[in-house]
Amino acid sequence: MNVNNKDLVDEINVAAYFISEDNNPYDVLCWYLAERLLTYENKGDTPPKEHVKQKAAQIFFEECPYDVLVYRIAQLDILMKYNLYDTRLMKESKC
């Protein structure tokens, strides 16, 4: 499937809106982001729960803003939906 950047950004924004509507606690968003990041790094393969736990703790203590967590979760969901795996998106900085 061929999608352009504007369509991806629009879809990510919509997904972020719906994630934010769930009003998940901060620690739950950290867990969700950890799952997505590790799954993305593994090109769709589910990571071991212990790895998710460690990554979630790391994200939690980075104290990223709530809206950044929401957006990153949405971003990774949409990128994986279209099988768009790019290691340049994986950065070691905050979230």
Protein backbone atom coordinates (compact mmCIF):
# COMPACT_ATOMS: atom_id res chain seq x y z
CA MET A 1 0.00 0.00 0.00
CA ASN A 2 1.31 3.41 -0.92
CA VAL A 3 0.62 6.13 1.63
CA ASN A 4 2.01 9.63 1.64
CA ASN A 5 3.38 11.49 4.65
CA LYS A 6 0.38 13.80 5.01
CA ASP A 7 -2.00 10.83 5.11
CA LEU A 8 0.21 9.14 7.72
CA VAL A 9 0.34 12.27 9.87
CA ASP A 10 -3.43 12.67 9.62
CA GLU A 11 -4.00 9.05 10.58
CA ILE A 12 -1.52 9.31 13.48
CA ASN A 13 -3.31 12.42 14.78
CA VAL A 14 -6.68 10.67 14.67
CA ALA A 15 -5.26 7.60 16.41
CA ALA A 16 -3.67 9.82 19.08
CA TYR A 17 -7.02 11.51 19.67
CA PHE A 18 -8.74 8.19 20.29
CA ILE A 19 -5.93 6.96 22.55
CA SER A 20 -6.18 10.16 24.59
CA GLU A 21 -9.95 9.71 24.91
CA ASP A 22 -9.31 6.50 26.87
CA ASN A 23 -7.77 8.55 29.71
CA ASN A 24 -5.31 5.80 30.60
CA PRO A 25 -3.10 6.35 33.64
CA TYR A 26 0.48 7.43 32.96
CA ASP A 27 1.98 4.06 33.90
CA VAL A 28 -0.35 2.24 31.50
CA LEU A 29 0.74 4.52 28.65
CA CYS A 30 4.37 3.78 29.55
CA TRP A 31 3.62 0.06 29.26
CA TYR A 32 1.81 0.52 25.94
CA LEU A 33 4.67 2.57 24.53
CA ALA A 34 7.22 0.02 25.72
CA GLU A 35 5.26 -2.75 23.98
CA ARG A 36 5.05 -0.75 20.76
CA LEU A 37 8.72 0.30 20.78
CA LEU A 38 9.99 -3.22 21.33
CA THR A 39 7.57 -4.71 18.82
CA TYR A 40 8.65 -2.09 16.30
CA GLU A 41 12.33 -2.82 16.96
CA ASN A 42 11.57 -6.52 16.36
CA LYS A 43 9.70 -5.72 13.12
CA GLY A 44 6.37 -6.95 14.46
CA ASP A 45 7.46 -9.80 16.72
CA THR A 46 6.05 -9.71 20.24
CA PRO A 47 8.75 -8.98 22.83
CA PRO A 48 9.16 -10.96 26.06
CA LYS A 49 7.15 -9.53 28.95
CA GLU A 50 10.29 -8.97 31.04
CA HIS A 51 11.76 -6.75 28.31
CA VAL A 52 8.52 -4.77 28.16
CA LYS A 53 8.61 -4.35 31.93
CA GLN A 54 12.17 -2.99 31.85
CA LYS A 55 11.45 -0.65 28.94
CA ALA A 56 8.23 0.59 30.59
CA ALA A 57 10.15 1.44 33.77
CA GLN A 58 12.76 3.30 31.74
CA ILE A 59 10.05 5.31 29.96
CA PHE A 60 8.25 6.00 33.25
CA PHE A 61 11.37 7.47 34.86
CA GLU A 62 12.12 9.62 31.82
CA GLU A 63 8.97 11.56 32.80
CA CYS A 64 7.83 12.24 29.24
CA PRO A 65 4.74 14.42 28.90
CA TYR A 66 1.46 12.52 28.67
CA ASP A 67 0.70 13.85 25.19
CA VAL A 68 4.11 12.73 23.89
CA LEU A 69 3.43 9.19 25.10
CA VAL A 70 0.04 9.22 23.41
CA TYR A 71 1.46 10.52 20.12
CA ARG A 72 4.35 8.03 20.07
CA ILE A 73 1.97 5.12 20.70
CA ALA A 74 -0.26 6.30 17.85
CA GLN A 75 2.74 6.84 15.58
CA LEU A 76 4.08 3.35 16.14
CA ASP A 77 0.62 1.79 15.74
CA ILE A 78 0.15 3.43 12.35
CA LEU A 79 3.68 2.71 11.13
CA MET A 80 3.28 -0.96 12.04
CA LYS A 81 -0.17 -1.03 10.44
CA TYR A 82 1.48 -0.22 7.10
CA ASN A 83 4.63 -2.29 7.79
CA LEU A 84 6.79 0.84 7.69
CA TYR A 85 9.79 -0.17 9.76
CA ASP A 86 12.64 2.34 9.87
CA THR A 87 15.32 2.12 12.54
CA ARG A 88 16.02 5.86 12.18
CA LEU A 89 12.78 6.44 14.07
CA MET A 90 14.14 4.61 17.08
CA LYS A 91 16.01 7.12 19.19
CA GLU A 92 17.47 6.83 22.65
CA SER A 93 16.32 10.25 23.77
CA LYS A 94 13.20 10.89 25.80
CA CYS A 95 10.36 8.78 24.48
